[in-house]
Amino acid sequence: MHGGVPRGFTMVAFTETGSGAELFAKQFISPAEESENTLYISTNEAQPEIVRVFNKYGWPLDVNVRTIGEEYNANVLEKELLASRYRLEGFRLEDIQRLAQTRFVEDSTQDYLTEVTNEIMALGPYFRAGIDSLDFFLQRDDPGRVVAMIRMLQAHTQMYRGLLLIMVSVNGLPASVRQELSSIADMVLTFGVRTIGSDFETSMIVSKFRNAPENLKMLVFRVTPEEGITPETVERIA
């Protein structure tokens, strides 16, 4: 990239299932120049799985990690399952209503979107942060509110010369939201996978690089046990 990704950049990565993007997100976090100023937000994986991957590649473990999906499962889904079990075991309607007012429904005051925004904005200069992925928030919040959050984070990243990577799946993503995210981002990546015969080819396309269009490229990559994601071929986008 002719010197790497500039400080202050917000990167949005649009991902396809099976493209290896979740490994890229961890690899992006792994340099951890200042571990206390490095944050990885995962909405799909539990702590043990993240630790396993970091150990596999010898990446440092002293980074801040928050597993939103794991929290959500513990705080909401397990309680809903308990409420369903009580319902099946013959609880009356008034019992269910009583339970619903206590421990067995989602706590409406739990605003993960605001919490994550505040966590990242609390990071100091030259921070490094990654969100994998934005899907969790787009499925539970108004898309306009999510986009507004990204605008705030982009401004914070620019001001504090940090590096921010945001992953979002292309599956079911409205075109209008994708366009807004692309407009906000300093750098836009697209992770894809295709079949060639009986093999799979994974690639990353850099389709936007603010103020440096000469950096637009397509990289075909593979995963090695030593280095994780490793570029095989690089082609300039005409």
C-alpha atoms as a PDB file:
ATOM      1  CA  MET A   1       0.000   0.000   0.000  1.00  0.00           C
ATOM      2  CA  HIS A   2       2.975   2.296  -0.537  1.00  0.00           C
ATOM      3  CA  GLY A   3       3.699   2.808   3.153  1.00  0.00           C
ATOM      4  CA  GLY A   4       0.722   1.039   4.691  1.00  0.00           C
ATOM      5  CA  VAL A   5      -2.591   2.366   5.928  1.00  0.00           C
ATOM      6  CA  PRO A   6      -2.287   5.985   7.106  1.00  0.00           C
ATOM      7  CA  ARG A   7      -3.039   6.850  10.694  1.00  0.00           C
ATOM      8  CA  GLY A   8      -6.527   8.262  11.175  1.00  0.00           C
ATOM      9  CA  PHE A   9      -8.135   5.871   8.691  1.00  0.00           C
ATOM     10  CA  THR A  10     -11.476   4.144   9.187  1.00  0.00           C
ATOM     11  CA  MET A  11     -11.761   0.982   7.100  1.00  0.00           C
ATOM     12  CA  VAL A  12     -15.058  -0.695   6.243  1.00  0.00           C
ATOM     13  CA  ALA A  13     -14.824  -4.275   4.992  1.00  0.00           C
ATOM     14  CA  PHE A  14     -17.786  -5.845   3.193  1.00  0.00           C
ATOM     15  CA  THR A  15     -17.549  -9.600   3.613  1.00  0.00           C
ATOM     16  CA  GLU A  16     -18.872 -12.799   2.082  1.00  0.00           C
ATOM     17  CA  THR A  17     -19.332 -15.989   4.083  1.00  0.00           C
ATOM     18  CA  GLY A  18     -16.240 -18.184   3.854  1.00  0.00           C
ATOM     19  CA  SER A  19     -13.910 -15.413   2.687  1.00  0.00           C
ATOM     20  CA  GLY A  20     -11.694 -15.481   5.795  1.00  0.00           C
ATOM     21  CA  ALA A  21     -12.599 -11.949   6.836  1.00  0.00           C
ATOM     22  CA  GLU A  22     -12.969 -12.870  10.522  1.00  0.00           C
ATOM     23  CA  LEU A  23      -9.337 -14.043  10.556  1.00  0.00           C
ATOM     24  CA  PHE A  24      -8.259 -10.819   8.855  1.00  0.00           C
ATOM     25  CA  ALA A  25      -9.970  -8.815  11.624  1.00  0.00           C
ATOM     26  CA  LYS A  26      -7.957 -10.624  14.300  1.00  0.00           C
ATOM     27  CA  GLN A  27      -4.752 -10.300  12.291  1.00  0.00           C
ATOM     28  CA  PHE A  28      -5.396  -6.556  11.965  1.00  0.00           C
ATOM     29  CA  ILE A  29      -5.619  -6.296  15.755  1.00  0.00           C
ATOM     30  CA  SER A  30      -2.586  -8.517  16.407  1.00  0.00           C
ATOM     31  CA  PRO A  31       0.236  -5.906  16.097  1.00  0.00           C
ATOM     32  CA  ALA A  32      -1.083  -4.356  19.352  1.00  0.00           C
ATOM     33  CA  GLU A  33       1.499  -1.558  19.423  1.00  0.00           C
ATOM     34  CA  GLU A  34      -0.061  -0.404  22.706  1.00  0.00           C
ATOM     35  CA  SER A  35      -2.046  -3.273  24.193  1.00  0.00           C
ATOM     36  CA  GLU A  36      -4.043  -1.041  26.544  1.00  0.00           C
ATOM     37  CA  ASN A  37      -4.998   1.086  23.535  1.00  0.00           C
ATOM     38  CA  THR A  38      -6.081  -1.869  21.394  1.00  0.00           C
ATOM     39  CA  LEU A  39      -9.675  -3.123  21.348  1.00  0.00           C
ATOM     40  CA  TYR A  40     -11.329  -6.024  19.538  1.00  0.00           C
ATOM     41  CA  ILE A  41     -15.129  -6.211  19.536  1.00  0.00           C
ATOM     42  CA  SER A  42     -16.547  -9.575  18.464  1.00  0.00           C
ATOM     43  CA  THR A  43     -20.265 -10.203  18.053  1.00  0.00           C
ATOM     44  CA  ASN A  44     -20.033 -13.792  16.805  1.00  0.00           C
ATOM     45  CA  GLU A  45     -17.327 -15.583  18.776  1.00  0.00           C
ATOM     46  CA  ALA A  46     -16.675 -16.484  22.402  1.00  0.00           C
ATOM     47  CA  GLN A  47     -13.498 -15.622  24.297  1.00  0.00           C
ATOM     48  CA  PRO A  48     -12.031 -19.172  24.181  1.00  0.00           C
ATOM     49  CA  GLU A  49     -12.249 -19.309  20.376  1.00  0.00           C
ATOM     50  CA  ILE A  50     -10.568 -15.919  19.995  1.00  0.00           C
ATOM     51  CA  VAL A  51      -7.805 -16.956  22.404  1.00  0.00           C
ATOM     52  CA  ARG A  52      -7.341 -20.217  20.478  1.00  0.00           C
ATOM     53  CA  VAL A  53      -6.796 -18.368  17.187  1.00  0.00           C
ATOM     54  CA  PHE A  54      -4.392 -15.851  18.737  1.00  0.00           C
ATOM     55  CA  ASN A  55      -2.420 -18.698  20.314  1.00  0.00           C
ATOM     56  CA  LYS A  56      -2.344 -20.605  17.033  1.00  0.00           C
ATOM     57  CA  TYR A  57      -0.545 -17.782  15.237  1.00  0.00           C
ATOM     58  CA  GLY A  58       1.511 -16.576  18.183  1.00  0.00           C
ATOM     59  CA  TRP A  59      -0.247 -13.212  18.379  1.00  0.00           C
ATOM     60  CA  PRO A  60      -0.130 -11.303  21.690  1.00  0.00           C
ATOM     61  CA  LEU A  61      -3.019 -11.931  24.077  1.00  0.00           C
ATOM     62  CA  ASP A  62      -2.717  -8.728  26.098  1.00  0.00           C
ATOM     63  CA  VAL A  63      -5.305  -6.839  24.034  1.00  0.00           C
ATOM     64  CA  ASN A  64      -8.734  -5.722  25.190  1.00  0.00           C
ATOM     65  CA  VAL A  65     -11.467  -8.012  23.868  1.00  0.00           C
ATOM     66  CA  ARG A  66     -15.220  -7.698  24.295  1.00  0.00           C
ATOM     67  CA  THR A  67     -17.494 -10.492  23.087  1.00  0.00           C
ATOM     68  CA  ILE A  68     -20.881  -8.834  22.588  1.00  0.00           C
ATOM     69  CA  GLY A  69     -22.521 -11.956  21.174  1.00  0.00           C
ATOM     70  CA  GLU A  70     -21.463 -13.982  24.208  1.00  0.00           C
ATOM     71  CA  GLU A  71     -22.881 -11.305  26.524  1.00  0.00           C
ATOM     72  CA  TYR A  72     -26.134 -11.171  24.583  1.00  0.00           C
ATOM     73  CA  ASN A  73     -26.533 -14.949  24.747  1.00  0.00           C
ATOM     74  CA  ALA A  74     -25.988 -14.941  28.502  1.00  0.00           C
ATOM     75  CA  ASN A  75     -28.153 -11.916  29.259  1.00  0.00           C
ATOM     76  CA  VAL A  76     -31.050 -12.426  26.876  1.00  0.00           C
ATOM     77  CA  LEU A  77     -31.317 -15.702  24.997  1.00  0.00           C
ATOM     78  CA  GLU A  78     -30.747 -17.987  27.978  1.00  0.00           C
ATOM     79  CA  LYS A  79     -33.412 -16.118  29.949  1.00  0.00           C
ATOM     80  CA  GLU A  80     -35.856 -16.341  27.062  1.00  0.00           C
ATOM     81  CA  LEU A  81     -35.191 -20.079  26.934  1.00  0.00           C
ATOM     82  CA  LEU A  82     -35.952 -20.367  30.639  1.00  0.00           C
ATOM     83  CA  ALA A  83     -39.197 -18.456  30.188  1.00  0.00           C
ATOM     84  CA  SER A  84     -40.176 -20.805  27.350  1.00  0.00           C
ATOM     85  CA  ARG A  85     -39.410 -23.819  29.516  1.00  0.00           C
ATOM     86  CA  TYR A  86     -41.582 -22.533  32.337  1.00  0.00           C
ATOM     87  CA  ARG A  87     -44.349 -21.856  29.851  1.00  0.00           C
ATOM     88  CA  LEU A  88     -44.180 -25.432  28.556  1.00  0.00           C
ATOM     89  CA  GLU A  89     -44.230 -26.790  32.093  1.00  0.00           C
ATOM     90  CA  GLY A  90     -47.601 -25.247  32.734  1.00  0.00           C
ATOM     91  CA  PHE A  91     -47.065 -21.784  34.116  1.00  0.00           C
ATOM     92  CA  ARG A  92     -50.162 -19.628  33.927  1.00  0.00           C
ATOM     93  CA  LEU A  93     -50.282 -16.439  31.889  1.00  0.00           C
ATOM     94  CA  GLU A  94     -49.930 -14.254  34.973  1.00  0.00           C
ATOM     95  CA  ASP A  95     -46.813 -16.217  35.975  1.00  0.00           C
ATOM     96  CA  ILE A  96     -45.269 -15.578  32.567  1.00  0.00           C
ATOM     97  CA  GLN A  97     -46.140 -11.891  32.823  1.00  0.00           C
ATOM     98  CA  ARG A  98     -44.538 -11.700  36.250  1.00  0.00           C
ATOM     99  CA  LEU A  99     -41.395 -13.404  34.964  1.00  0.00           C
ATOM    100  CA  ALA A 100     -41.339 -11.086  31.982  1.00  0.00           C
ATOM    101  CA  GLN A 101     -41.156  -8.140  34.364  1.00  0.00           C
ATOM    102  CA  THR A 102     -38.220  -9.575  36.263  1.00  0.00           C
ATOM    103  CA  ARG A 103     -35.360 -11.722  34.972  1.00  0.00           C
ATOM    104  CA  PHE A 104     -36.525 -13.467  31.832  1.00  0.00           C
ATOM    105  CA  VAL A 105     -36.701 -10.874  29.070  1.00  0.00           C
ATOM    106  CA  GLU A 106     -34.234  -8.609  27.359  1.00  0.00           C
ATOM    107  CA  ASP A 107     -33.153  -5.663  29.440  1.00  0.00           C
ATOM    108  CA  SER A 108     -34.306  -2.752  27.306  1.00  0.00           C
ATOM    109  CA  THR A 109     -31.742  -0.506  28.997  1.00  0.00           C
ATOM    110  CA  GLN A 110     -28.864  -2.582  27.591  1.00  0.00           C
ATOM    111  CA  ASP A 111     -27.757  -0.423  24.666  1.00  0.00           C
ATOM    112  CA  TYR A 112     -24.839  -2.290  23.107  1.00  0.00           C
ATOM    113  CA  LEU A 113     -24.513   0.250  20.296  1.00  0.00           C
ATOM    114  CA  THR A 114     -23.920   3.148  22.673  1.00  0.00           C
ATOM    115  CA  GLU A 115     -21.642   1.048  24.873  1.00  0.00           C
ATOM    116  CA  VAL A 116     -19.390   0.086  21.966  1.00  0.00           C
ATOM    117  CA  THR A 117     -19.308   3.667  20.687  1.00  0.00           C
ATOM    118  CA  ASN A 118     -18.269   4.944  24.112  1.00  0.00           C
ATOM    119  CA  GLU A 119     -15.632   2.214  24.518  1.00  0.00           C
ATOM    120  CA  ILE A 120     -13.920   3.089  21.253  1.00  0.00           C
ATOM    121  CA  MET A 121     -14.184   6.842  21.816  1.00  0.00           C
ATOM    122  CA  ALA A 122     -12.517   6.368  25.208  1.00  0.00           C
ATOM    123  CA  LEU A 123      -9.374   5.065  23.495  1.00  0.00           C
ATOM    124  CA  GLY A 124      -6.435   7.444  23.348  1.00  0.00           C
ATOM    125  CA  PRO A 125      -4.257   8.669  20.458  1.00  0.00           C
ATOM    126  CA  TYR A 126      -2.897   6.094  18.000  1.00  0.00           C
ATOM    127  CA  PHE A 127      -5.392   3.429  19.079  1.00  0.00           C
ATOM    128  CA  ARG A 128      -6.228   0.337  17.056  1.00  0.00           C
ATOM    129  CA  ALA A 129      -9.759  -1.115  17.132  1.00  0.00           C
ATOM    130  CA  GLY A 130     -11.831  -3.623  15.201  1.00  0.00           C
ATOM    131  CA  ILE A 131     -15.536  -4.514  15.129  1.00  0.00           C
ATOM    132  CA  ASP A 132     -16.508  -7.952  13.816  1.00  0.00           C
ATOM    133  CA  SER A 133     -19.188  -7.412  12.848  1.00  0.00           C
ATOM    134  CA  LEU A 134     -21.651  -4.579  12.338  1.00  0.00           C
ATOM    135  CA  ASP A 135     -24.386  -7.089  11.461  1.00  0.00           C
ATOM    136  CA  PHE A 136     -25.293  -7.540  15.141  1.00  0.00           C
ATOM    137  CA  PHE A 137     -26.150  -3.852  15.479  1.00  0.00           C
ATOM    138  CA  LEU A 138     -27.885  -3.483  12.107  1.00  0.00           C
ATOM    139  CA  GLN A 139     -30.204  -6.362  13.057  1.00  0.00           C
ATOM    140  CA  ARG A 140     -31.169  -4.827  16.405  1.00  0.00           C
ATOM    141  CA  ASP A 141     -31.007  -1.060  15.890  1.00  0.00           C
ATOM    142  CA  ASP A 142     -32.299   1.435  13.389  1.00  0.00           C
ATOM    143  CA  PRO A 143     -29.789   1.481  10.485  1.00  0.00           C
ATOM    144  CA  GLY A 144     -29.756   5.276  10.555  1.00  0.00           C
ATOM    145  CA  ARG A 145     -28.616   5.204  14.166  1.00  0.00           C
ATOM    146  CA  VAL A 146     -25.889   2.685  13.361  1.00  0.00           C
ATOM    147  CA  VAL A 147     -24.610   4.840  10.484  1.00  0.00           C
ATOM    148  CA  ALA A 148     -24.600   7.876  12.796  1.00  0.00           C
ATOM    149  CA  MET A 149     -22.442   5.881  15.229  1.00  0.00           C
ATOM    150  CA  ILE A 150     -19.963   5.087  12.452  1.00  0.00           C
ATOM    151  CA  ARG A 151     -19.752   8.788  11.560  1.00  0.00           C
ATOM    152  CA  MET A 152     -18.859   9.590  15.174  1.00  0.00           C
ATOM    153  CA  LEU A 153     -16.252   6.849  15.286  1.00  0.00           C
ATOM    154  CA  GLN A 154     -14.731   7.962  11.979  1.00  0.00           C
ATOM    155  CA  ALA A 155     -14.360  11.506  13.304  1.00  0.00           C
ATOM    156  CA  HIS A 156     -12.796  10.218  16.539  1.00  0.00           C
ATOM    157  CA  THR A 157     -10.404   7.963  14.622  1.00  0.00           C
ATOM    158  CA  GLN A 158      -9.313  10.842  12.402  1.00  0.00           C
ATOM    159  CA  MET A 159      -8.838  13.229  15.318  1.00  0.00           C
ATOM    160  CA  TYR A 160      -6.836  10.752  17.409  1.00  0.00           C
ATOM    161  CA  ARG A 161      -4.934   9.276  14.465  1.00  0.00           C
ATOM    162  CA  GLY A 162      -6.161   5.807  15.288  1.00  0.00           C
ATOM    163  CA  LEU A 163      -6.937   2.844  13.054  1.00  0.00           C
ATOM    164  CA  LEU A 164     -10.470   1.444  12.970  1.00  0.00           C
ATOM    165  CA  LEU A 165     -11.645  -1.633  11.058  1.00  0.00           C
ATOM    166  CA  ILE A 166     -15.365  -2.379  10.747  1.00  0.00           C
ATOM    167  CA  MET A 167     -16.577  -5.640   9.235  1.00  0.00           C
ATOM    168  CA  VAL A 168     -20.085  -6.012   7.789  1.00  0.00           C
ATOM    169  CA  SER A 169     -21.644  -8.869   5.837  1.00  0.00           C
ATOM    170  CA  VAL A 170     -22.989  -8.183   2.353  1.00  0.00           C
ATOM    171  CA  ASN A 171     -25.774 -10.721   2.900  1.00  0.00           C
ATOM    172  CA  GLY A 172     -29.007  -8.789   3.296  1.00  0.00           C
ATOM    173  CA  LEU A 173     -27.270  -5.422   3.577  1.00  0.00           C
ATOM    174  CA  PRO A 174     -29.478  -2.682   2.055  1.00  0.00           C
ATOM    175  CA  ALA A 175     -27.815  -0.863  -0.829  1.00  0.00           C
ATOM    176  CA  SER A 176     -28.478   2.518   0.815  1.00  0.00           C
ATOM    177  CA  VAL A 177     -26.658   1.492   4.013  1.00  0.00           C
ATOM    178  CA  ARG A 178     -23.743   0.100   2.033  1.00  0.00           C
ATOM    179  CA  GLN A 179     -23.478   3.355   0.093  1.00  0.00           C
ATOM    180  CA  GLU A 180     -23.474   5.439   3.279  1.00  0.00           C
ATOM    181  CA  LEU A 181     -20.846   3.271   4.951  1.00  0.00           C
ATOM    182  CA  SER A 182     -18.672   3.456   1.828  1.00  0.00           C
ATOM    183  CA  SER A 183     -19.003   7.229   1.794  1.00  0.00           C
ATOM    184  CA  ILE A 184     -17.942   7.554   5.439  1.00  0.00           C
ATOM    185  CA  ALA A 185     -15.005   5.142   5.188  1.00  0.00           C
ATOM    186  CA  ASP A 186     -11.510   6.282   4.291  1.00  0.00           C
ATOM    187  CA  MET A 187     -10.818   2.824   2.904  1.00  0.00           C
ATOM    188  CA  VAL A 188     -13.263   0.241   1.543  1.00  0.00           C
ATOM    189  CA  LEU A 189     -12.399  -3.453   1.353  1.00  0.00           C
ATOM    190  CA  THR A 190     -14.416  -6.314  -0.102  1.00  0.00           C
ATOM    191  CA  PHE A 191     -13.677  -9.902   0.905  1.00  0.00           C
ATOM    192  CA  GLY A 192     -14.882 -12.568  -1.511  1.00  0.00           C
ATOM    193  CA  VAL A 193     -14.587 -16.270  -2.210  1.00  0.00           C
ATOM    194  CA  ARG A 194     -15.118 -18.199  -5.432  1.00  0.00           C
ATOM    195  CA  THR A 195     -14.623 -21.747  -6.640  1.00  0.00           C
ATOM    196  CA  ILE A 196     -12.041 -22.622  -9.284  1.00  0.00           C
ATOM    197  CA  GLY A 197     -12.503 -26.258 -10.154  1.00  0.00           C
ATOM    198  CA  SER A 198     -12.421 -28.073  -6.831  1.00  0.00           C
ATOM    199  CA  ASP A 199     -10.513 -25.289  -5.068  1.00  0.00           C
ATOM    200  CA  PHE A 200     -11.566 -22.085  -3.356  1.00  0.00           C
ATOM    201  CA  GLU A 201      -9.956 -18.718  -4.070  1.00  0.00           C
ATOM    202  CA  THR A 202     -10.214 -15.995  -1.442  1.00  0.00           C
ATOM    203  CA  SER A 203      -9.568 -12.377  -2.311  1.00  0.00           C
ATOM    204  CA  MET A 204      -9.629  -8.847  -0.951  1.00  0.00           C
ATOM    205  CA  ILE A 205     -10.437  -5.867  -3.161  1.00  0.00           C
ATOM    206  CA  VAL A 206      -9.415  -2.348  -2.132  1.00  0.00           C
ATOM    207  CA  SER A 207     -12.033  -0.240  -3.907  1.00  0.00           C
ATOM    208  CA  LYS A 208     -11.509   3.033  -2.053  1.00  0.00           C
ATOM    209  CA  PHE A 209      -8.392   4.594  -0.577  1.00  0.00           C
ATOM    210  CA  ARG A 210      -8.922   8.229   0.313  1.00  0.00           C
ATOM    211  CA  ASN A 211      -6.625  10.600  -1.591  1.00  0.00           C
ATOM    212  CA  ALA A 212      -4.565   7.730  -3.008  1.00  0.00           C
ATOM    213  CA  PRO A 213      -6.455   5.975  -5.825  1.00  0.00           C
ATOM    214  CA  GLU A 214      -3.195   4.420  -7.000  1.00  0.00           C
ATOM    215  CA  ASN A 215      -3.607   2.012  -4.068  1.00  0.00           C
ATOM    216  CA  LEU A 216      -6.761   0.394  -5.475  1.00  0.00           C
ATOM    217  CA  LYS A 217      -5.924  -3.287  -5.841  1.00  0.00           C
ATOM    218  CA  MET A 218      -7.188  -6.848  -5.808  1.00  0.00           C
ATOM    219  CA  LEU A 219      -5.228  -9.254  -3.612  1.00  0.00           C
ATOM    220  CA  VAL A 220      -5.665 -13.015  -3.841  1.00  0.00           C
ATOM    221  CA  PHE A 221      -4.604 -14.517  -0.527  1.00  0.00           C
ATOM    222  CA  ARG A 222      -4.173 -17.826   1.240  1.00  0.00           C
ATOM    223  CA  VAL A 223      -3.905 -18.780   4.908  1.00  0.00           C
ATOM    224  CA  THR A 224      -0.599 -20.167   6.176  1.00  0.00           C
ATOM    225  CA  PRO A 225       0.083 -21.671   9.630  1.00  0.00           C
ATOM    226  CA  GLU A 226       2.974 -19.271  10.135  1.00  0.00           C
ATOM    227  CA  GLU A 227       1.533 -15.924   9.100  1.00  0.00           C
ATOM    228  CA  GLY A 228      -2.228 -16.256   8.795  1.00  0.00           C
ATOM    229  CA  ILE A 229      -3.544 -14.354   5.785  1.00  0.00           C
ATOM    230  CA  THR A 230      -0.766 -14.080   3.201  1.00  0.00           C
ATOM    231  CA  PRO A 231      -1.150 -12.338  -0.195  1.00  0.00           C
ATOM    232  CA  GLU A 232      -0.367 -14.538  -3.200  1.00  0.00           C
ATOM    233  CA  THR A 233      -0.971 -12.178  -6.109  1.00  0.00           C
ATOM    234  CA  VAL A 234      -1.646  -8.466  -6.307  1.00  0.00           C
ATOM    235  CA  GLU A 235      -3.331  -6.821  -9.274  1.00  0.00           C
ATOM    236  CA  ARG A 236      -3.833  -3.132  -9.881  1.00  0.00           C
ATOM    237  CA  ILE A 237      -7.463  -2.167 -10.461  1.00  0.00           C
ATOM    238  CA  ALA A 238      -7.629  -0.342 -13.776  1.00  0.00           C
END
